[in-house]
Amino acid sequence: MKQRGMKYDNSIDLYPISEGEVYKLSDGSSITINDITEGIPAFMKEADCVFIDPAGNKGVLKSYYNKAELDCPYQSFEEFCQVIMQRIIEINPDRLFVECFSTNRKALTEMVQRLYPCVKVYNSTYYHSQKYKAWIVQGTRQPEEYPFEGIDEENVIYKICEVVPLNCIADFFMGRGLVAESAYKSGKKFFGSDMNRNRLAVAIRRVADRGGVWNVEK
């Protein structure tokens, strides 16, 4: 199969995930290649919590597609947000967490407000630096508050898996797998997908490094 995009490390050599394959753990946690433009894997609809970190703007979105050696199908960031919203509706999770930045905060916050009656926004950072501002937008059916205020987005993801009452967390922009690693560490089931196989291979390797044993289904 043609190698897609840049290699982030040697993970793709160790875990050469291909389109149509599902890497699965014994608890049912699963990772597969997928572009949300075309839908979501059926197993994702079992998740009761979703965490996503979408592209910050159309330019970043286009670069993600370029790195996966795919053409970006979106004419605007707003069009991309509509597809994200549709996928969340299909999953219908009890809780939604969306990481956003100054460039996409307004659009993504409005999206969460359309989906959930209770919305809370936590101030966050990325790269563990106060110079880099981020926000975590939370959507729930009832008012909920968690100890996420002011901490780095990486730590927020770990804390979601530790303290939020969830059975399974899904991330359809899984990338290099912080959600997968955090969920596995906390003993929670997870579902992940991304259109870039090289990034997903890193996610698979991170879980394997913590003791996860993968089986490949086609």
C-alpha atoms as a PDB file:
ATOM      1  CA  MET A   1       0.000   0.000   0.000  1.00  0.00           C
ATOM      2  CA  LYS A   2       1.165   3.525  -0.712  1.00  0.00           C
ATOM      3  CA  GLN A   3       2.622   5.243   2.340  1.00  0.00           C
ATOM      4  CA  ARG A   4       0.474   8.244   3.219  1.00  0.00           C
ATOM      5  CA  GLY A   5       1.941  11.454   4.495  1.00  0.00           C
ATOM      6  CA  MET A   6       4.874  12.237   6.724  1.00  0.00           C
ATOM      7  CA  LYS A   7       6.196   9.709   9.237  1.00  0.00           C
ATOM      8  CA  TYR A   8       6.219  10.930  12.827  1.00  0.00           C
ATOM      9  CA  ASP A   9       8.497   8.165  14.124  1.00  0.00           C
ATOM     10  CA  ASN A  10       8.892   4.453  13.365  1.00  0.00           C
ATOM     11  CA  SER A  11       5.411   3.576  14.676  1.00  0.00           C
ATOM     12  CA  ILE A  12       3.984   2.912  11.206  1.00  0.00           C
ATOM     13  CA  ASP A  13       6.694   0.281  10.673  1.00  0.00           C
ATOM     14  CA  LEU A  14       5.664  -1.439  13.902  1.00  0.00           C
ATOM     15  CA  TYR A  15       1.906  -1.012  13.444  1.00  0.00           C
ATOM     16  CA  PRO A  16       1.217  -0.666   9.694  1.00  0.00           C
ATOM     17  CA  ILE A  17      -2.487   0.101   9.945  1.00  0.00           C
ATOM     18  CA  SER A  18      -4.244   0.152   6.576  1.00  0.00           C
ATOM     19  CA  GLU A  19      -7.652   1.320   5.400  1.00  0.00           C
ATOM     20  CA  GLY A  20     -10.338  -1.184   6.342  1.00  0.00           C
ATOM     21  CA  GLU A  21      -8.407  -2.530   9.328  1.00  0.00           C
ATOM     22  CA  VAL A  22      -9.499  -2.103  12.939  1.00  0.00           C
ATOM     23  CA  TYR A  23      -6.919  -2.368  15.701  1.00  0.00           C
ATOM     24  CA  LYS A  24      -8.793  -3.688  18.719  1.00  0.00           C
ATOM     25  CA  LEU A  25      -8.081  -4.414  22.392  1.00  0.00           C
ATOM     26  CA  SER A  26      -9.737  -7.172  24.417  1.00  0.00           C
ATOM     27  CA  ASP A  27     -12.206  -4.692  25.984  1.00  0.00           C
ATOM     28  CA  GLY A  28     -13.402  -3.629  22.534  1.00  0.00           C
ATOM     29  CA  SER A  29     -11.414  -0.384  22.349  1.00  0.00           C
ATOM     30  CA  SER A  30     -10.833   0.256  18.651  1.00  0.00           C
ATOM     31  CA  ILE A  31      -8.803   2.430  16.285  1.00  0.00           C
ATOM     32  CA  THR A  32      -9.298   2.699  12.534  1.00  0.00           C
ATOM     33  CA  ILE A  33      -8.560   4.982   9.574  1.00  0.00           C
ATOM     34  CA  ASN A  34     -11.493   7.224   8.729  1.00  0.00           C
ATOM     35  CA  ASP A  35     -12.309  10.640   7.279  1.00  0.00           C
ATOM     36  CA  ILE A  36     -15.415  12.095   8.958  1.00  0.00           C
ATOM     37  CA  THR A  37     -16.453  13.582   5.618  1.00  0.00           C
ATOM     38  CA  GLU A  38     -17.519  10.070   4.669  1.00  0.00           C
ATOM     39  CA  GLY A  39     -19.159   9.224   8.017  1.00  0.00           C
ATOM     40  CA  ILE A  40     -17.958   7.557  11.201  1.00  0.00           C
ATOM     41  CA  PRO A  41     -17.252   3.913  12.081  1.00  0.00           C
ATOM     42  CA  ALA A  42     -20.378   2.174  13.396  1.00  0.00           C
ATOM     43  CA  PHE A  43     -18.673   1.249  16.665  1.00  0.00           C
ATOM     44  CA  MET A  44     -18.235   4.939  17.573  1.00  0.00           C
ATOM     45  CA  LYS A  45     -21.962   5.240  18.144  1.00  0.00           C
ATOM     46  CA  GLU A  46     -21.533   3.176  21.324  1.00  0.00           C
ATOM     47  CA  ALA A  47     -19.531   5.948  23.026  1.00  0.00           C
ATOM     48  CA  ASP A  48     -21.167   7.946  25.835  1.00  0.00           C
ATOM     49  CA  CYS A  49     -18.495  10.679  25.805  1.00  0.00           C
ATOM     50  CA  VAL A  50     -16.667  12.480  22.996  1.00  0.00           C
ATOM     51  CA  PHE A  51     -13.481  14.553  23.115  1.00  0.00           C
ATOM     52  CA  ILE A  52     -12.296  16.226  19.927  1.00  0.00           C
ATOM     53  CA  ASP A  53      -9.565  18.683  18.980  1.00  0.00           C
ATOM     54  CA  PRO A  54     -10.526  19.916  15.489  1.00  0.00           C
ATOM     55  CA  ALA A  55      -8.351  21.943  13.149  1.00  0.00           C
ATOM     56  CA  GLY A  56      -8.117  25.593  14.159  1.00  0.00           C
ATOM     57  CA  ASN A  57      -9.026  27.084  10.782  1.00  0.00           C
ATOM     58  CA  LYS A  58      -9.352  26.251   7.093  1.00  0.00           C
ATOM     59  CA  GLY A  59      -5.609  26.587   6.496  1.00  0.00           C
ATOM     60  CA  VAL A  60      -4.739  24.097   9.234  1.00  0.00           C
ATOM     61  CA  LEU A  61      -7.496  21.792   8.026  1.00  0.00           C
ATOM     62  CA  LYS A  62      -6.048  21.853   4.522  1.00  0.00           C
ATOM     63  CA  SER A  63      -2.588  21.013   5.889  1.00  0.00           C
ATOM     64  CA  TYR A  64      -4.010  17.989   7.735  1.00  0.00           C
ATOM     65  CA  TYR A  65      -5.430  16.699   4.462  1.00  0.00           C
ATOM     66  CA  ASN A  66      -2.157  17.424   2.671  1.00  0.00           C
ATOM     67  CA  LYS A  67      -0.184  15.450   5.274  1.00  0.00           C
ATOM     68  CA  ALA A  68      -2.522  12.524   4.666  1.00  0.00           C
ATOM     69  CA  GLU A  69      -2.057  13.027   0.907  1.00  0.00           C
ATOM     70  CA  LEU A  70      -5.740  13.795   0.435  1.00  0.00           C
ATOM     71  CA  ASP A  71      -7.572  16.734  -1.124  1.00  0.00           C
ATOM     72  CA  CYS A  72      -9.422  18.940   1.349  1.00  0.00           C
ATOM     73  CA  PRO A  73     -13.137  18.741   0.456  1.00  0.00           C
ATOM     74  CA  TYR A  74     -14.217  21.821   2.435  1.00  0.00           C
ATOM     75  CA  GLN A  75     -14.731  25.291   1.000  1.00  0.00           C
ATOM     76  CA  SER A  76     -15.035  26.908   4.437  1.00  0.00           C
ATOM     77  CA  PHE A  77     -14.415  26.189   8.098  1.00  0.00           C
ATOM     78  CA  GLU A  78     -18.153  26.599   8.731  1.00  0.00           C
ATOM     79  CA  GLU A  79     -18.852  23.718   6.345  1.00  0.00           C
ATOM     80  CA  PHE A  80     -16.376  21.582   8.308  1.00  0.00           C
ATOM     81  CA  CYS A  81     -18.165  22.490  11.569  1.00  0.00           C
ATOM     82  CA  GLN A  82     -21.471  21.344  10.099  1.00  0.00           C
ATOM     83  CA  VAL A  83     -19.978  17.920   9.394  1.00  0.00           C
ATOM     84  CA  ILE A  84     -18.521  17.736  12.916  1.00  0.00           C
ATOM     85  CA  MET A  85     -21.932  18.552  14.375  1.00  0.00           C
ATOM     86  CA  GLN A  86     -23.609  15.862  12.283  1.00  0.00           C
ATOM     87  CA  ARG A  87     -21.140  13.233  13.493  1.00  0.00           C
ATOM     88  CA  ILE A  88     -21.742  14.217  17.115  1.00  0.00           C
ATOM     89  CA  ILE A  89     -25.491  13.954  16.562  1.00  0.00           C
ATOM     90  CA  GLU A  90     -24.960  10.443  15.186  1.00  0.00           C
ATOM     91  CA  ILE A  91     -23.012   9.412  18.296  1.00  0.00           C
ATOM     92  CA  ASN A  92     -25.363  11.289  20.665  1.00  0.00           C
ATOM     93  CA  PRO A  93     -22.974  11.208  23.650  1.00  0.00           C
ATOM     94  CA  ASP A  94     -24.006  12.204  27.167  1.00  0.00           C
ATOM     95  CA  ARG A  95     -20.985  14.504  27.356  1.00  0.00           C
ATOM     96  CA  LEU A  96     -18.991  16.395  24.756  1.00  0.00           C
ATOM     97  CA  PHE A  97     -15.628  18.113  25.215  1.00  0.00           C
ATOM     98  CA  VAL A  98     -14.195  20.261  22.417  1.00  0.00           C
ATOM     99  CA  GLU A  99     -10.716  21.786  22.537  1.00  0.00           C
ATOM    100  CA  CYS A 100     -10.544  25.088  20.717  1.00  0.00           C
ATOM    101  CA  PHE A 101      -8.317  28.064  20.082  1.00  0.00           C
ATOM    102  CA  SER A 102      -8.847  31.743  19.333  1.00  0.00           C
ATOM    103  CA  THR A 103      -9.347  31.031  15.628  1.00  0.00           C
ATOM    104  CA  ASN A 104     -12.166  28.516  16.062  1.00  0.00           C
ATOM    105  CA  ARG A 105     -13.497  29.220  19.566  1.00  0.00           C
ATOM    106  CA  LYS A 106     -16.601  31.134  18.469  1.00  0.00           C
ATOM    107  CA  ALA A 107     -17.683  28.621  15.820  1.00  0.00           C
ATOM    108  CA  LEU A 108     -17.108  25.572  18.016  1.00  0.00           C
ATOM    109  CA  THR A 109     -18.716  27.097  21.105  1.00  0.00           C
ATOM    110  CA  GLU A 110     -21.813  27.938  19.079  1.00  0.00           C
ATOM    111  CA  MET A 111     -21.856  24.382  17.770  1.00  0.00           C
ATOM    112  CA  VAL A 112     -21.815  22.945  21.299  1.00  0.00           C
ATOM    113  CA  GLN A 113     -24.551  25.400  22.338  1.00  0.00           C
ATOM    114  CA  ARG A 114     -26.756  24.092  19.543  1.00  0.00           C
ATOM    115  CA  LEU A 115     -26.226  20.526  20.695  1.00  0.00           C
ATOM    116  CA  TYR A 116     -26.451  20.719  24.490  1.00  0.00           C
ATOM    117  CA  PRO A 117     -28.563  22.701  26.974  1.00  0.00           C
ATOM    118  CA  CYS A 118     -25.681  23.084  29.444  1.00  0.00           C
ATOM    119  CA  VAL A 119     -22.387  24.538  28.201  1.00  0.00           C
ATOM    120  CA  LYS A 120     -19.324  25.405  30.268  1.00  0.00           C
ATOM    121  CA  VAL A 121     -16.017  26.803  29.020  1.00  0.00           C
ATOM    122  CA  TYR A 122     -12.729  26.130  30.837  1.00  0.00           C
ATOM    123  CA  ASN A 123      -9.637  28.275  30.290  1.00  0.00           C
ATOM    124  CA  SER A 124      -6.698  26.109  29.290  1.00  0.00           C
ATOM    125  CA  THR A 125      -3.259  26.179  27.657  1.00  0.00           C
ATOM    126  CA  TYR A 126      -1.253  24.003  25.303  1.00  0.00           C
ATOM    127  CA  TYR A 127       2.421  23.124  25.123  1.00  0.00           C
ATOM    128  CA  HIS A 128       2.337  23.633  28.921  1.00  0.00           C
ATOM    129  CA  SER A 129       2.860  27.353  28.488  1.00  0.00           C
ATOM    130  CA  GLN A 130       0.742  30.321  29.559  1.00  0.00           C
ATOM    131  CA  LYS A 131       1.717  31.959  26.264  1.00  0.00           C
ATOM    132  CA  TYR A 132      -0.477  29.512  24.343  1.00  0.00           C
ATOM    133  CA  LYS A 133      -4.150  29.936  25.169  1.00  0.00           C
ATOM    134  CA  ALA A 134      -6.757  27.260  24.611  1.00  0.00           C
ATOM    135  CA  TRP A 135     -10.261  26.527  25.829  1.00  0.00           C
ATOM    136  CA  ILE A 136     -12.192  23.348  26.588  1.00  0.00           C
ATOM    137  CA  VAL A 137     -15.881  23.688  25.752  1.00  0.00           C
ATOM    138  CA  GLN A 138     -18.056  21.199  27.631  1.00  0.00           C
ATOM    139  CA  GLY A 139     -21.571  20.220  26.609  1.00  0.00           C
ATOM    140  CA  THR A 140     -23.814  18.194  28.943  1.00  0.00           C
ATOM    141  CA  ARG A 141     -27.478  17.451  29.454  1.00  0.00           C
ATOM    142  CA  GLN A 142     -27.366  18.595  33.096  1.00  0.00           C
ATOM    143  CA  PRO A 143     -25.085  21.235  34.689  1.00  0.00           C
ATOM    144  CA  GLU A 144     -21.692  19.710  35.498  1.00  0.00           C
ATOM    145  CA  GLU A 145     -18.393  21.177  36.618  1.00  0.00           C
ATOM    146  CA  TYR A 146     -14.993  19.516  36.777  1.00  0.00           C
ATOM    147  CA  PRO A 147     -11.521  20.608  37.999  1.00  0.00           C
ATOM    148  CA  PHE A 148     -10.269  21.591  34.547  1.00  0.00           C
ATOM    149  CA  GLU A 149      -9.975  25.353  34.907  1.00  0.00           C
ATOM    150  CA  GLY A 150      -6.551  26.759  34.130  1.00  0.00           C
ATOM    151  CA  ILE A 151      -4.725  23.508  33.427  1.00  0.00           C
ATOM    152  CA  ASP A 152      -3.014  22.403  30.231  1.00  0.00           C
ATOM    153  CA  GLU A 153      -5.130  20.635  27.609  1.00  0.00           C
ATOM    154  CA  GLU A 154      -2.998  17.513  27.874  1.00  0.00           C
ATOM    155  CA  ASN A 155      -3.776  17.269  31.582  1.00  0.00           C
ATOM    156  CA  VAL A 156      -7.449  17.991  30.906  1.00  0.00           C
ATOM    157  CA  ILE A 157      -7.620  14.913  28.691  1.00  0.00           C
ATOM    158  CA  TYR A 158      -6.087  12.748  31.404  1.00  0.00           C
ATOM    159  CA  LYS A 159      -8.506  14.188  33.969  1.00  0.00           C
ATOM    160  CA  ILE A 160     -11.558  13.626  31.758  1.00  0.00           C
ATOM    161  CA  CYS A 161     -10.711   9.937  31.630  1.00  0.00           C
ATOM    162  CA  GLU A 162     -10.078   9.855  35.380  1.00  0.00           C
ATOM    163  CA  VAL A 163     -12.965  11.855  36.874  1.00  0.00           C
ATOM    164  CA  VAL A 164     -15.824  12.086  34.361  1.00  0.00           C
ATOM    165  CA  PRO A 165     -18.401   9.288  34.772  1.00  0.00           C
ATOM    166  CA  LEU A 166     -18.044   7.680  31.357  1.00  0.00           C
ATOM    167  CA  ASN A 167     -17.970   4.153  30.016  1.00  0.00           C
ATOM    168  CA  CYS A 168     -16.406   4.824  26.621  1.00  0.00           C
ATOM    169  CA  ILE A 169     -14.785   7.918  25.129  1.00  0.00           C
ATOM    170  CA  ALA A 170     -14.530   8.559  21.389  1.00  0.00           C
ATOM    171  CA  ASP A 171     -12.227  10.848  19.436  1.00  0.00           C
ATOM    172  CA  PHE A 172     -12.688  11.050  15.658  1.00  0.00           C
ATOM    173  CA  PHE A 173      -9.646  13.329  15.343  1.00  0.00           C
ATOM    174  CA  MET A 174      -7.463  10.949  17.338  1.00  0.00           C
ATOM    175  CA  GLY A 175      -4.149  11.918  15.796  1.00  0.00           C
ATOM    176  CA  ARG A 176      -1.266  10.609  17.870  1.00  0.00           C
ATOM    177  CA  GLY A 177      -3.541   9.241  20.539  1.00  0.00           C
ATOM    178  CA  LEU A 178      -3.537  11.209  23.781  1.00  0.00           C
ATOM    179  CA  VAL A 179      -7.190  10.284  24.326  1.00  0.00           C
ATOM    180  CA  ALA A 180      -6.438   6.609  23.682  1.00  0.00           C
ATOM    181  CA  GLU A 181      -3.457   6.588  26.019  1.00  0.00           C
ATOM    182  CA  SER A 182      -5.344   8.493  28.752  1.00  0.00           C
ATOM    183  CA  ALA A 183      -8.360   6.206  28.536  1.00  0.00           C
ATOM    184  CA  TYR A 184      -6.234   3.064  28.606  1.00  0.00           C
ATOM    185  CA  LYS A 185      -4.302   4.357  31.604  1.00  0.00           C
ATOM    186  CA  SER A 186      -7.596   5.011  33.428  1.00  0.00           C
ATOM    187  CA  GLY A 187      -9.091   1.635  32.539  1.00  0.00           C
ATOM    188  CA  LYS A 188     -11.694   3.144  30.201  1.00  0.00           C
ATOM    189  CA  LYS A 189     -12.810   1.903  26.816  1.00  0.00           C
ATOM    190  CA  PHE A 190     -12.072   4.166  23.850  1.00  0.00           C
ATOM    191  CA  PHE A 191     -12.756   4.521  20.149  1.00  0.00           C
ATOM    192  CA  GLY A 192     -10.517   6.481  17.816  1.00  0.00           C
ATOM    193  CA  SER A 193     -10.187   7.344  14.152  1.00  0.00           C
ATOM    194  CA  ASP A 194      -8.205   9.696  11.953  1.00  0.00           C
ATOM    195  CA  MET A 195      -7.539   9.982   8.229  1.00  0.00           C
ATOM    196  CA  ASN A 196      -3.742   9.900   8.717  1.00  0.00           C
ATOM    197  CA  ARG A 197      -2.447   6.352   9.208  1.00  0.00           C
ATOM    198  CA  ASN A 198       0.982   7.550  10.360  1.00  0.00           C
ATOM    199  CA  ARG A 199      -0.533   9.520  13.230  1.00  0.00           C
ATOM    200  CA  LEU A 200      -2.809   6.613  14.175  1.00  0.00           C
ATOM    201  CA  ALA A 201       0.186   4.277  14.281  1.00  0.00           C
ATOM    202  CA  VAL A 202       1.670   6.524  16.980  1.00  0.00           C
ATOM    203  CA  ALA A 203      -1.592   6.227  18.941  1.00  0.00           C
ATOM    204  CA  ILE A 204      -1.494   2.449  18.646  1.00  0.00           C
ATOM    205  CA  ARG A 205       2.136   2.363  19.761  1.00  0.00           C
ATOM    206  CA  ARG A 206       1.475   4.618  22.781  1.00  0.00           C
ATOM    207  CA  VAL A 207      -1.173   2.210  24.059  1.00  0.00           C
ATOM    208  CA  ALA A 208       1.068  -0.772  23.334  1.00  0.00           C
ATOM    209  CA  ASP A 209       3.858   0.879  25.325  1.00  0.00           C
ATOM    210  CA  ARG A 210       1.497   0.883  28.318  1.00  0.00           C
ATOM    211  CA  GLY A 211       0.802  -2.840  27.919  1.00  0.00           C
ATOM    212  CA  GLY A 212      -2.085  -2.863  25.464  1.00  0.00           C
ATOM    213  CA  VAL A 213      -2.217  -5.936  23.243  1.00  0.00           C
ATOM    214  CA  TRP A 214      -3.723  -5.237  19.839  1.00  0.00           C
ATOM    215  CA  ASN A 215      -5.534  -7.593  17.502  1.00  0.00           C
ATOM    216  CA  VAL A 216      -6.151  -6.601  13.881  1.00  0.00           C
ATOM    217  CA  GLU A 217      -9.548  -7.156  12.303  1.00  0.00           C
ATOM    218  CA  LYS A 218     -10.461  -6.555   8.660  1.00  0.00           C
END
